[in-house]
Amino acid sequence: MAYKKQEEEARVTSNLLLCGELTALCLELRKAVLRRIHPDQDVEKMVLAEIMQSKERAWRRNPS
């Protein structure tokens, strides 16, 4: 039983570590798409603006 718990904890830890990498890849993909659409603009600012807008919408739907 203890082995199963250790195995589960290792799996969860591995998944959590991959979340950061996946997020970074998603951000790079979004920047690449925006770069093709808007080659002369600062896509990093555009991505950050999209993130802020998304968080603002989510907050308005579900205020704490």
PDB file of N, CA and C in Angstrom:
ATOM      1  N   MET A   1       0.828  -1.193   0.000  1.00  0.00           N
ATOM      2  CA  MET A   1       0.000   0.000   0.000  1.00  0.00           C
ATOM      3  C   MET A   1       0.871   1.255   0.000  1.00  0.00           C
ATOM      4  N   ALA A   2       1.942   1.266   0.781  1.00  0.00           N
ATOM      5  CA  ALA A   2       2.834   2.428   0.832  1.00  0.00           C
ATOM      6  C   ALA A   2       3.490   2.642  -0.526  1.00  0.00           C
ATOM      7  N   TYR A   3       3.782   1.538  -1.220  1.00  0.00           N
ATOM      8  CA  TYR A   3       4.383   1.656  -2.550  1.00  0.00           C
ATOM      9  C   TYR A   3       3.440   2.365  -3.512  1.00  0.00           C
ATOM     10  N   LYS A   4       2.159   2.028  -3.464  1.00  0.00           N
ATOM     11  CA  LYS A   4       1.160   2.667  -4.327  1.00  0.00           C
ATOM     12  C   LYS A   4       1.091   4.171  -4.055  1.00  0.00           C
ATOM     13  N   LYS A   5       1.154   4.533  -2.756  1.00  0.00           N
ATOM     14  CA  LYS A   5       1.090   5.948  -2.401  1.00  0.00           C
ATOM     15  C   LYS A   5       2.316   6.680  -2.936  1.00  0.00           C
ATOM     16  N   GLN A   6       3.488   6.086  -2.815  1.00  0.00           N
ATOM     17  CA  GLN A   6       4.712   6.706  -3.337  1.00  0.00           C
ATOM     18  C   GLN A   6       4.646   6.831  -4.855  1.00  0.00           C
ATOM     19  N   GLU A   7       4.123   5.820  -5.500  1.00  0.00           N
ATOM     20  CA  GLU A   7       3.978   5.837  -6.957  1.00  0.00           C
ATOM     21  C   GLU A   7       3.028   6.956  -7.384  1.00  0.00           C
ATOM     22  N   GLU A   8       1.926   7.089  -6.667  1.00  0.00           N
ATOM     23  CA  GLU A   8       0.948   8.145  -6.962  1.00  0.00           C
ATOM     24  C   GLU A   8       1.563   9.527  -6.726  1.00  0.00           C
ATOM     25  N   GLU A   9       2.294   9.698  -5.648  1.00  0.00           N
ATOM     26  CA  GLU A   9       2.936  10.984  -5.354  1.00  0.00           C
ATOM     27  C   GLU A   9       3.968  11.332  -6.427  1.00  0.00           C
ATOM     28  N   ALA A  10       4.698  10.356  -6.898  1.00  0.00           N
ATOM     29  CA  ALA A  10       5.682  10.589  -7.954  1.00  0.00           C
ATOM     30  C   ALA A  10       4.998  10.997  -9.250  1.00  0.00           C
ATOM     31  N   ARG A  11       3.881  10.368  -9.554  1.00  0.00           N
ATOM     32  CA  ARG A  11       3.124  10.712 -10.765  1.00  0.00           C
ATOM     33  C   ARG A  11       2.579  12.132 -10.679  1.00  0.00           C
ATOM     34  N   VAL A  12       2.022  12.491  -9.540  1.00  0.00           N
ATOM     35  CA  VAL A  12       1.474  13.838  -9.352  1.00  0.00           C
ATOM     36  C   VAL A  12       2.591  14.877  -9.466  1.00  0.00           C
ATOM     37  N   THR A  13       3.720  14.611  -8.836  1.00  0.00           N
ATOM     38  CA  THR A  13       4.862  15.529  -8.904  1.00  0.00           C
ATOM     39  C   THR A  13       5.323  15.707 -10.337  1.00  0.00           C
ATOM     40  N   SER A  14       5.425  14.625 -11.066  1.00  0.00           N
ATOM     41  CA  SER A  14       5.846  14.686 -12.463  1.00  0.00           C
ATOM     42  C   SER A  14       4.872  15.520 -13.291  1.00  0.00           C
ATOM     43  N   ASN A  15       3.573  15.315 -13.082  1.00  0.00           N
ATOM     44  CA  ASN A  15       2.561  16.077 -13.812  1.00  0.00           C
ATOM     45  C   ASN A  15       2.633  17.563 -13.490  1.00  0.00           C
ATOM     46  N   LEU A  16       2.840  17.893 -12.231  1.00  0.00           N
ATOM     47  CA  LEU A  16       2.942  19.299 -11.846  1.00  0.00           C
ATOM     48  C   LEU A  16       4.158  19.965 -12.480  1.00  0.00           C
ATOM     49  N   LEU A  17       5.251  19.253 -12.552  1.00  0.00           N
ATOM     50  CA  LEU A  17       6.455  19.808 -13.167  1.00  0.00           C
ATOM     51  C   LEU A  17       6.250  20.042 -14.662  1.00  0.00           C
ATOM     52  N   LEU A  18       5.458  19.204 -15.300  1.00  0.00           N
ATOM     53  CA  LEU A  18       5.197  19.355 -16.727  1.00  0.00           C
ATOM     54  C   LEU A  18       4.251  20.518 -17.029  1.00  0.00           C
ATOM     55  N   CYS A  19       3.446  20.934 -16.062  1.00  0.00           N
ATOM     56  CA  CYS A  19       2.494  22.033 -16.284  1.00  0.00           C
ATOM     57  C   CYS A  19       3.206  23.314 -16.699  1.00  0.00           C
ATOM     58  N   GLY A  20       4.306  23.643 -16.047  1.00  0.00           N
ATOM     59  CA  GLY A  20       5.055  24.850 -16.397  1.00  0.00           C
ATOM     60  C   GLY A  20       5.595  24.783 -17.809  1.00  0.00           C
ATOM     61  N   GLU A  21       6.110  23.643 -18.176  1.00  0.00           N
ATOM     62  CA  GLU A  21       6.645  23.464 -19.526  1.00  0.00           C
ATOM     63  C   GLU A  21       5.528  23.570 -20.566  1.00  0.00           C
ATOM     64  N   LEU A  22       4.396  22.980 -20.278  1.00  0.00           N
ATOM     65  CA  LEU A  22       3.259  23.038 -21.193  1.00  0.00           C
ATOM     66  C   LEU A  22       2.766  24.477 -21.345  1.00  0.00           C
ATOM     67  N   THR A  23       2.705  25.209 -20.254  1.00  0.00           N
ATOM     68  CA  THR A  23       2.286  26.607 -20.304  1.00  0.00           C
ATOM     69  C   THR A  23       3.237  27.417 -21.175  1.00  0.00           C
ATOM     70  N   ALA A  24       4.528  27.216 -21.000  1.00  0.00           N
ATOM     71  CA  ALA A  24       5.516  27.937 -21.798  1.00  0.00           C
ATOM     72  C   ALA A  24       5.352  27.617 -23.284  1.00  0.00           C
ATOM     73  N   LEU A  25       5.106  26.359 -23.602  1.00  0.00           N
ATOM     74  CA  LEU A  25       4.907  25.974 -25.001  1.00  0.00           C
ATOM     75  C   LEU A  25       3.644  26.616 -25.579  1.00  0.00           C
ATOM     76  N   CYS A  26       2.585  26.668 -24.786  1.00  0.00           N
ATOM     77  CA  CYS A  26       1.341  27.298 -25.255  1.00  0.00           C
ATOM     78  C   CYS A  26       1.541  28.783 -25.509  1.00  0.00           C
ATOM     79  N   LEU A  27       2.271  29.452 -24.638  1.00  0.00           N
ATOM     80  CA  LEU A  27       2.538  30.877 -24.839  1.00  0.00           C
ATOM     81  C   LEU A  27       3.364  31.113 -26.095  1.00  0.00           C
ATOM     82  N   GLU A  28       4.360  30.270 -26.324  1.00  0.00           N
ATOM     83  CA  GLU A  28       5.178  30.406 -27.538  1.00  0.00           C
ATOM     84  C   GLU A  28       4.353  30.154 -28.794  1.00  0.00           C
ATOM     85  N   LEU A  29       3.447  29.195 -28.727  1.00  0.00           N
ATOM     86  CA  LEU A  29       2.564  28.920 -29.866  1.00  0.00           C
ATOM     87  C   LEU A  29       1.667  30.118 -30.149  1.00  0.00           C
ATOM     88  N   ARG A  30       1.084  30.704 -29.110  1.00  0.00           N
ATOM     89  CA  ARG A  30       0.209  31.870 -29.313  1.00  0.00           C
ATOM     90  C   ARG A  30       1.005  33.037 -29.894  1.00  0.00           C
ATOM     91  N   LYS A  31       2.225  33.247 -29.410  1.00  0.00           N
ATOM     92  CA  LYS A  31       3.053  34.325 -29.957  1.00  0.00           C
ATOM     93  C   LYS A  31       3.374  34.072 -31.426  1.00  0.00           C
ATOM     94  N   ALA A  32       3.632  32.823 -31.793  1.00  0.00           N
ATOM     95  CA  ALA A  32       3.937  32.495 -33.182  1.00  0.00           C
ATOM     96  C   ALA A  32       2.740  32.781 -34.084  1.00  0.00           C
ATOM     97  N   VAL A  33       1.543  32.440 -33.604  1.00  0.00           N
ATOM     98  CA  VAL A  33       0.331  32.705 -34.386  1.00  0.00           C
ATOM     99  C   VAL A  33       0.137  34.209 -34.561  1.00  0.00           C
ATOM    100  N   LEU A  34       0.276  34.943 -33.475  1.00  0.00           N
ATOM    101  CA  LEU A  34       0.109  36.395 -33.555  1.00  0.00           C
ATOM    102  C   LEU A  34       1.181  37.047 -34.430  1.00  0.00           C
ATOM    103  N   ARG A  35       2.381  36.519 -34.390  1.00  0.00           N
ATOM    104  CA  ARG A  35       3.476  37.057 -35.207  1.00  0.00           C
ATOM    105  C   ARG A  35       3.157  36.936 -36.690  1.00  0.00           C
ATOM    106  N   ARG A  36       2.494  35.858 -37.071  1.00  0.00           N
ATOM    107  CA  ARG A  36       2.117  35.677 -38.483  1.00  0.00           C
ATOM    108  C   ARG A  36       1.004  36.640 -38.885  1.00  0.00           C
ATOM    109  N   ILE A  37       0.095  36.894 -37.970  1.00  0.00           N
ATOM    110  CA  ILE A  37      -1.028  37.783 -38.251  1.00  0.00           C
ATOM    111  C   ILE A  37      -0.604  39.254 -38.183  1.00  0.00           C
ATOM    112  N   HIS A  38       0.230  39.582 -37.208  1.00  0.00           N
ATOM    113  CA  HIS A  38       0.658  40.961 -36.953  1.00  0.00           C
ATOM    114  C   HIS A  38       2.191  41.022 -36.906  1.00  0.00           C
ATOM    115  N   PRO A  39       2.868  40.896 -38.044  1.00  0.00           N
ATOM    116  CA  PRO A  39       4.333  40.813 -38.040  1.00  0.00           C
ATOM    117  C   PRO A  39       5.045  42.068 -37.519  1.00  0.00           C
ATOM    118  N   ASP A  40       4.388  43.214 -37.562  1.00  0.00           N
ATOM    119  CA  ASP A  40       5.045  44.448 -37.157  1.00  0.00           C
ATOM    120  C   ASP A  40       4.708  44.892 -35.740  1.00  0.00           C
ATOM    121  N   GLN A  41       4.027  44.053 -34.985  1.00  0.00           N
ATOM    122  CA  GLN A  41       3.609  44.453 -33.642  1.00  0.00           C
ATOM    123  C   GLN A  41       4.345  43.658 -32.570  1.00  0.00           C
ATOM    124  N   ASP A  42       4.325  44.184 -31.353  1.00  0.00           N
ATOM    125  CA  ASP A  42       4.949  43.518 -30.207  1.00  0.00           C
ATOM    126  C   ASP A  42       3.990  42.436 -29.713  1.00  0.00           C
ATOM    127  N   VAL A  43       4.236  41.201 -30.128  1.00  0.00           N
ATOM    128  CA  VAL A  43       3.300  40.116 -29.805  1.00  0.00           C
ATOM    129  C   VAL A  43       3.325  39.754 -28.328  1.00  0.00           C
ATOM    130  N   GLU A  44       4.435  39.985 -27.655  1.00  0.00           N
ATOM    131  CA  GLU A  44       4.468  39.690 -26.222  1.00  0.00           C
ATOM    132  C   GLU A  44       3.474  40.573 -25.477  1.00  0.00           C
ATOM    133  N   LYS A  45       3.410  41.840 -25.845  1.00  0.00           N
ATOM    134  CA  LYS A  45       2.428  42.729 -25.229  1.00  0.00           C
ATOM    135  C   LYS A  45       1.019  42.284 -25.566  1.00  0.00           C
ATOM    136  N   MET A  46       0.816  41.821 -26.784  1.00  0.00           N
ATOM    137  CA  MET A  46      -0.507  41.362 -27.194  1.00  0.00           C
ATOM    138  C   MET A  46      -0.936  40.145 -26.379  1.00  0.00           C
ATOM    139  N   VAL A  47      -0.018  39.203 -26.173  1.00  0.00           N
ATOM    140  CA  VAL A  47      -0.335  37.998 -25.399  1.00  0.00           C
ATOM    141  C   VAL A  47      -0.649  38.376 -23.955  1.00  0.00           C
ATOM    142  N   LEU A  48       0.146  39.261 -23.377  1.00  0.00           N
ATOM    143  CA  LEU A  48      -0.112  39.684 -22.003  1.00  0.00           C
ATOM    144  C   LEU A  48      -1.459  40.395 -21.896  1.00  0.00           C
ATOM    145  N   ALA A  49      -1.800  41.202 -22.884  1.00  0.00           N
ATOM    146  CA  ALA A  49      -3.100  41.875 -22.884  1.00  0.00           C
ATOM    147  C   ALA A  49      -4.230  40.850 -22.966  1.00  0.00           C
ATOM    148  N   GLU A  50      -4.063  39.816 -23.795  1.00  0.00           N
ATOM    149  CA  GLU A  50      -5.077  38.762 -23.889  1.00  0.00           C
ATOM    150  C   GLU A  50      -5.249  38.048 -22.558  1.00  0.00           C
ATOM    151  N   ILE A  51      -4.151  37.772 -21.885  1.00  0.00           N
ATOM    152  CA  ILE A  51      -4.211  37.093 -20.587  1.00  0.00           C
ATOM    153  C   ILE A  51      -4.948  37.964 -19.575  1.00  0.00           C
ATOM    154  N   MET A  52      -4.615  39.251 -19.539  1.00  0.00           N
ATOM    155  CA  MET A  52      -5.272  40.161 -18.595  1.00  0.00           C
ATOM    156  C   MET A  52      -6.767  40.268 -18.894  1.00  0.00           C
ATOM    157  N   GLN A  53      -7.128  40.339 -20.180  1.00  0.00           N
ATOM    158  CA  GLN A  53      -8.545  40.414 -20.551  1.00  0.00           C
ATOM    159  C   GLN A  53      -9.285  39.142 -20.139  1.00  0.00           C
ATOM    160  N   SER A  54      -8.647  38.015 -20.335  1.00  0.00           N
ATOM    161  CA  SER A  54      -9.260  36.742 -19.973  1.00  0.00           C
ATOM    162  C   SER A  54      -9.476  36.648 -18.464  1.00  0.00           C
ATOM    163  N   LYS A  55      -8.483  37.064 -17.696  1.00  0.00           N
ATOM    164  CA  LYS A  55      -8.615  37.040 -16.241  1.00  0.00           C
ATOM    165  C   LYS A  55      -9.701  38.008 -15.776  1.00  0.00           C
ATOM    166  N   GLU A  56      -9.776  39.160 -16.411  1.00  0.00           N
ATOM    167  CA  GLU A  56     -10.796  40.139 -16.061  1.00  0.00           C
ATOM    168  C   GLU A  56     -12.196  39.581 -16.343  1.00  0.00           C
ATOM    169  N   ARG A  57     -12.374  38.943 -17.497  1.00  0.00           N
ATOM    170  CA  ARG A  57     -13.676  38.328 -17.816  1.00  0.00           C
ATOM    171  C   ARG A  57     -14.036  37.256 -16.802  1.00  0.00           C
ATOM    172  N   ALA A  58     -13.057  36.432 -16.456  1.00  0.00           N
ATOM    173  CA  ALA A  58     -13.315  35.362 -15.484  1.00  0.00           C
ATOM    174  C   ALA A  58     -13.668  35.943 -14.123  1.00  0.00           C
ATOM    175  N   TRP A  59     -12.997  37.007 -13.732  1.00  0.00           N
ATOM    176  CA  TRP A  59     -13.284  37.628 -12.451  1.00  0.00           C
ATOM    177  C   TRP A  59     -14.688  38.217 -12.434  1.00  0.00           C
ATOM    178  N   ARG A  60     -15.081  38.841 -13.528  1.00  0.00           N
ATOM    179  CA  ARG A  60     -16.427  39.437 -13.599  1.00  0.00           C
ATOM    180  C   ARG A  60     -17.523  38.372 -13.528  1.00  0.00           C
ATOM    181  N   ARG A  61     -17.261  37.209 -14.126  1.00  0.00           N
ATOM    182  CA  ARG A  61     -18.247  36.131 -14.096  1.00  0.00           C
ATOM    183  C   ARG A  61     -18.359  35.511 -12.706  1.00  0.00           C
ATOM    184  N   ASN A  62     -17.237  35.497 -11.982  1.00  0.00           N
ATOM    185  CA  ASN A  62     -17.207  34.792 -10.705  1.00  0.00           C
ATOM    186  C   ASN A  62     -16.441  35.607  -9.668  1.00  0.00           C
ATOM    187  N   PRO A  63     -16.983  36.752  -9.232  1.00  0.00           N
ATOM    188  CA  PRO A  63     -16.256  37.565  -8.247  1.00  0.00           C
ATOM    189  C   PRO A  63     -16.172  36.870  -6.886  1.00  0.00           C
ATOM    190  N   SER A  64     -15.070  37.093  -6.206  1.00  0.00           N
ATOM    191  CA  SER A  64     -14.882  36.468  -4.875  1.00  0.00           C
ATOM    192  C   SER A  64     -15.457  37.329  -3.787  1.00  0.00           C
TER     193      SER A  64
END
